[in-house]
Amino acid sequence: MVGVKAIARREVALATGLSAVAGYLDAVGYLVLGGWFVSFMSGNTTELATHLGDSGWQQVGVAAALLGCFFGGVVLGAILIRFGDGRTTVLTATTLLVAVTATVSMCVDSQVPVMLGLPLAMGTMNATFLSAGEASIGLTYMTGALVKSGQRLVDSFNGGPPMLWLRHLSLWASLLVGGTIGAVTHRWLGATVALWTATGLLAGITLLVVVIRRRRGVFGEGPPSLLEREIKVL
């Protein structure tokens, strides 16, 4: 039981940290693109539907590009999780994609690098907790986390775990905090510095994951074990 709790704490901590980075990047992308999301695809789908109805074909193209790149990132993550140490591979790829986006943004005066690179990175990141073809924890979208938090709150009044709802809510809160920090960083330091800051954060998280997995003796494994997947924490 102690081992299960330890795994649960590690998973919650990692998910919370990555959700904060996702919120950070979504806020930066939102500001750079003037109101488009790089990780919240439900919002972009609504935008796509609205512009299709209004025949706003230029905006339709933007929405389609964001959705397509995010979907491509999801596919890329699902492939990468099967190579090497799956979780580390996915996080490394996510870090590199943000770094490439930052580098290209320095060289060209255009929104295109952010429009293509960040949704690709965010889609890839969602494979971090992929197991048996299913993501046990969503990192870049929080509607599900809010729903689960409300449901677990009611469960706690009926004999369920008393604090589980707060763990779900912490994911939403981390996205909010990360987004706020991203907006402030973009405002004061600009998009390029904001992107390189996110790159550094992702690199640090990736390195920490490598160290922890090596110490646990699980480095080199693919998707998380069945034990990790069956922990009903998130």
Protein backbone atom coordinates (compact mmCIF):
# COMPACT_ATOMS: atom_id res chain seq x y z
CA MET A 1 0.00 0.00 0.00
CA VAL A 2 2.85 2.37 0.77
CA GLY A 3 4.32 1.73 -2.65
CA VAL A 4 0.99 2.49 -4.32
CA LYS A 5 0.69 5.75 -2.39
CA ALA A 6 4.23 6.71 -3.37
CA ILE A 7 3.47 6.09 -7.06
CA ALA A 8 0.23 8.06 -6.70
CA ARG A 9 2.05 11.05 -5.20
CA ARG A 10 4.66 10.99 -7.98
CA GLU A 11 2.00 10.79 -10.67
CA VAL A 12 0.01 13.64 -9.15
CA ALA A 13 3.12 15.82 -8.81
CA LEU A 14 4.20 15.18 -12.40
CA ALA A 15 0.71 15.74 -13.79
CA THR A 16 0.33 18.97 -11.83
CA GLY A 17 3.69 20.30 -13.04
CA LEU A 18 3.01 19.44 -16.68
CA SER A 19 -0.49 20.92 -16.51
CA ALA A 20 1.03 24.16 -15.25
CA VAL A 21 3.42 24.21 -18.22
CA ALA A 22 0.52 23.44 -20.57
CA GLY A 23 -1.45 26.35 -19.12
CA TYR A 24 1.60 28.57 -19.47
CA LEU A 25 2.06 27.68 -23.14
CA ASP A 26 -1.64 27.93 -23.92
CA ALA A 27 -1.71 31.47 -22.50
CA VAL A 28 1.39 32.46 -24.46
CA GLY A 29 -0.02 30.93 -27.64
CA TYR A 30 -3.38 32.59 -27.06
CA LEU A 31 -1.75 36.01 -26.81
CA VAL A 32 0.57 35.48 -29.78
CA LEU A 33 -2.25 34.20 -32.00
CA GLY A 34 -4.78 36.80 -30.92
CA GLY A 35 -7.37 34.55 -29.33
CA TRP A 36 -6.64 31.05 -30.61
CA PHE A 37 -5.75 28.13 -28.35
CA VAL A 38 -2.74 25.83 -28.78
CA SER A 39 -3.97 23.13 -26.40
CA PHE A 40 -7.71 23.67 -25.82
CA MET A 41 -9.11 22.02 -28.92
CA SER A 42 -12.75 22.14 -27.80
CA GLY A 43 -12.58 25.94 -27.99
CA ASN A 44 -10.94 25.78 -31.41
CA THR A 45 -13.60 23.35 -32.62
CA THR A 46 -16.32 25.80 -31.60
CA GLU A 47 -14.42 28.54 -33.43
CA LEU A 48 -14.16 26.31 -36.50
CA ALA A 49 -17.88 25.60 -36.47
CA THR A 50 -18.72 29.28 -36.02
CA HIS A 51 -16.51 30.43 -38.88
CA LEU A 52 -17.78 27.65 -41.12
CA GLY A 53 -21.29 28.91 -40.48
CA ASP A 54 -20.25 32.50 -41.18
CA SER A 55 -18.10 31.61 -44.22
CA GLY A 56 -15.01 33.05 -42.56
CA TRP A 57 -12.66 30.93 -44.59
CA GLN A 58 -9.40 32.50 -43.41
CA GLN A 59 -10.30 31.78 -39.79
CA VAL A 60 -11.43 28.30 -40.81
CA GLY A 61 -7.93 27.70 -42.11
CA VAL A 62 -6.36 28.81 -38.83
CA ALA A 63 -8.65 26.57 -36.80
CA ALA A 64 -8.01 23.63 -39.11
CA ALA A 65 -4.24 24.13 -38.85
CA LEU A 66 -4.36 24.20 -35.04
CA LEU A 67 -6.59 21.13 -34.84
CA GLY A 68 -4.52 19.26 -37.42
CA CYS A 69 -1.21 19.98 -35.68
CA PHE A 70 -2.60 19.00 -32.28
CA PHE A 71 -3.94 15.75 -33.73
CA GLY A 72 -0.56 15.14 -35.37
CA GLY A 73 1.10 15.66 -32.00
CA VAL A 74 -1.23 13.14 -30.37
CA VAL A 75 -0.30 10.59 -33.03
CA LEU A 76 3.40 11.40 -32.62
CA GLY A 77 3.18 10.97 -28.85
CA ALA A 78 1.38 7.65 -29.20
CA ILE A 79 4.23 6.45 -31.42
CA LEU A 80 7.07 7.80 -29.26
CA ILE A 81 5.75 6.31 -26.01
CA ARG A 82 6.67 2.90 -27.47
CA PHE A 83 10.36 3.72 -27.85
CA GLY A 84 13.12 3.74 -25.23
CA ASP A 85 11.93 4.92 -21.88
CA GLY A 86 8.48 5.87 -23.14
CA ARG A 87 7.67 8.67 -20.73
CA THR A 88 11.09 10.28 -21.09
CA THR A 89 10.93 9.96 -24.87
CA VAL A 90 7.62 11.81 -24.98
CA LEU A 91 8.80 14.56 -22.64
CA THR A 92 12.05 14.98 -24.56
CA ALA A 93 10.16 15.31 -27.83
CA THR A 94 7.79 17.85 -26.28
CA THR A 95 10.74 19.88 -25.01
CA LEU A 96 12.46 19.81 -28.40
CA LEU A 97 9.29 20.88 -30.20
CA VAL A 98 8.91 23.92 -27.94
CA ALA A 99 12.62 24.70 -28.38
CA VAL A 100 12.30 24.52 -32.17
CA THR A 101 9.24 26.78 -32.00
CA ALA A 102 11.19 29.31 -29.93
CA THR A 103 14.17 29.15 -32.30
CA VAL A 104 12.12 29.66 -35.46
CA SER A 105 10.16 32.46 -33.77
CA MET A 106 13.44 34.28 -33.24
CA CYS A 107 14.26 34.06 -36.94
CA VAL A 108 10.94 34.99 -38.55
CA ASP A 109 8.43 37.72 -37.79
CA SER A 110 5.37 35.51 -38.04
CA GLN A 111 2.74 33.76 -35.94
CA VAL A 112 3.14 30.58 -37.99
CA PRO A 113 5.82 28.89 -35.80
CA VAL A 114 3.60 29.21 -32.73
CA MET A 115 0.48 28.23 -34.68
CA LEU A 116 2.10 25.00 -35.88
CA GLY A 117 4.73 24.15 -33.27
CA LEU A 118 2.91 24.63 -29.98
CA PRO A 119 -0.22 22.56 -30.75
CA LEU A 120 2.09 19.83 -32.06
CA ALA A 121 4.00 19.92 -28.76
CA MET A 122 0.83 19.98 -26.66
CA GLY A 123 -0.64 17.03 -28.51
CA THR A 124 2.59 15.10 -27.96
CA MET A 125 2.65 15.93 -24.24
CA ASN A 126 -0.69 14.20 -23.74
CA ALA A 127 0.98 10.82 -24.31
CA THR A 128 2.95 11.22 -21.05
CA PHE A 129 0.39 9.12 -19.18
CA LEU A 130 -0.61 6.93 -22.10
CA SER A 131 -1.13 3.26 -21.33
CA ALA A 132 -2.85 0.56 -23.40
CA GLY A 133 -3.76 3.20 -25.97
CA GLU A 134 -5.58 5.40 -23.47
CA ALA A 135 -4.45 8.54 -21.64
CA SER A 136 -5.23 8.07 -17.96
CA ILE A 137 -4.59 11.76 -17.23
CA GLY A 138 -5.33 14.64 -19.58
CA LEU A 139 -2.76 17.41 -19.26
CA THR A 140 -3.84 20.18 -21.61
CA TYR A 141 -7.63 20.19 -21.10
CA MET A 142 -9.39 20.47 -17.74
CA THR A 143 -13.12 20.05 -18.29
CA GLY A 144 -12.81 16.39 -17.31
CA ALA A 145 -10.83 17.29 -14.20
CA LEU A 146 -13.53 19.71 -13.06
CA VAL A 147 -16.24 17.11 -13.71
CA LYS A 148 -14.35 14.46 -11.75
CA SER A 149 -13.66 16.91 -8.93
CA GLY A 150 -17.36 17.66 -8.53
CA GLN A 151 -18.28 13.98 -8.70
CA ARG A 152 -15.63 12.97 -6.17
CA LEU A 153 -16.77 15.76 -3.86
CA VAL A 154 -20.23 14.22 -3.76
CA ASP A 155 -18.67 10.77 -3.29
CA SER A 156 -16.79 12.09 -0.25
CA PHE A 157 -20.12 12.85 1.43
CA ASN A 158 -21.17 9.25 0.89
CA GLY A 159 -18.21 7.34 2.31
CA GLY A 160 -15.75 7.89 -0.54
CA PRO A 161 -12.18 9.19 -0.18
CA PRO A 162 -12.51 12.59 1.52
CA MET A 163 -9.73 14.43 -0.32
CA LEU A 164 -9.71 12.85 -3.77
CA TRP A 165 -11.75 15.69 -5.28
CA LEU A 166 -8.98 18.12 -4.37
CA ARG A 167 -6.45 16.14 -6.40
CA HIS A 168 -8.57 16.54 -9.51
CA LEU A 169 -9.12 20.20 -8.72
CA SER A 170 -5.36 20.69 -8.33
CA LEU A 171 -4.91 19.90 -12.04
CA TRP A 172 -7.33 22.65 -12.98
CA ALA A 173 -5.69 25.03 -10.51
CA SER A 174 -2.22 24.28 -11.90
CA LEU A 175 -3.44 25.07 -15.43
CA LEU A 176 -4.84 28.36 -14.15
CA VAL A 177 -1.66 29.31 -12.29
CA GLY A 178 0.55 28.32 -15.21
CA GLY A 179 -1.59 30.32 -17.62
CA THR A 180 -1.41 33.39 -15.40
CA ILE A 181 2.38 33.14 -15.20
CA GLY A 182 2.57 32.65 -18.96
CA ALA A 183 0.49 35.76 -19.61
CA VAL A 184 2.61 37.85 -17.25
CA THR A 185 5.85 36.54 -18.77
CA HIS A 186 4.62 37.29 -22.29
CA ARG A 187 3.56 40.79 -21.26
CA TRP A 188 6.83 41.76 -19.62
CA LEU A 189 9.44 39.74 -21.50
CA GLY A 190 7.87 38.93 -24.87
CA ALA A 191 6.93 35.75 -26.67
CA THR A 192 10.45 34.51 -27.41
CA VAL A 193 11.64 34.69 -23.81
CA ALA A 194 8.36 33.13 -22.68
CA LEU A 195 8.90 30.20 -25.04
CA TRP A 196 12.49 29.66 -23.95
CA THR A 197 11.36 29.77 -20.32
CA ALA A 198 8.86 27.00 -21.03
CA THR A 199 11.60 25.04 -22.78
CA GLY A 200 13.76 25.29 -19.67
CA LEU A 201 10.90 24.18 -17.44
CA LEU A 202 10.16 21.17 -19.63
CA ALA A 203 13.85 20.25 -19.77
CA GLY A 204 14.04 20.42 -15.98
CA ILE A 205 10.95 18.24 -15.55
CA THR A 206 12.29 15.74 -18.07
CA LEU A 207 15.64 15.51 -16.28
CA LEU A 208 13.89 15.02 -12.94
CA VAL A 209 11.76 12.23 -14.42
CA VAL A 210 14.91 10.52 -15.73
CA VAL A 211 16.59 10.70 -12.30
CA ILE A 212 13.54 9.37 -10.46
CA ARG A 213 12.92 6.55 -12.92
CA ARG A 214 16.57 5.49 -12.77
CA ARG A 215 16.47 5.43 -8.99
CA ARG A 216 13.29 3.33 -9.09
CA GLY A 217 14.91 0.95 -11.57
CA VAL A 218 12.18 1.42 -14.18
CA PHE A 219 14.09 3.55 -16.70
CA GLY A 220 13.85 1.98 -20.13
CA GLU A 221 10.29 0.79 -19.74
CA GLY A 222 7.60 1.74 -22.21
CA PRO A 223 4.14 2.88 -21.14
CA PRO A 224 3.39 2.98 -17.38
CA SER A 225 2.83 -0.33 -15.68
CA LEU A 226 -0.58 -1.81 -15.02
CA LEU A 227 -0.16 -0.95 -11.35
CA GLU A 228 0.29 2.75 -12.15
CA ARG A 229 -2.64 2.70 -14.56
CA GLU A 230 -4.95 1.09 -12.02
CA ILE A 231 -4.33 3.66 -9.29
CA LYS A 232 -7.64 5.47 -8.98
CA VAL A 233 -6.16 8.79 -8.04
CA LEU A 234 -6.75 10.87 -11.15
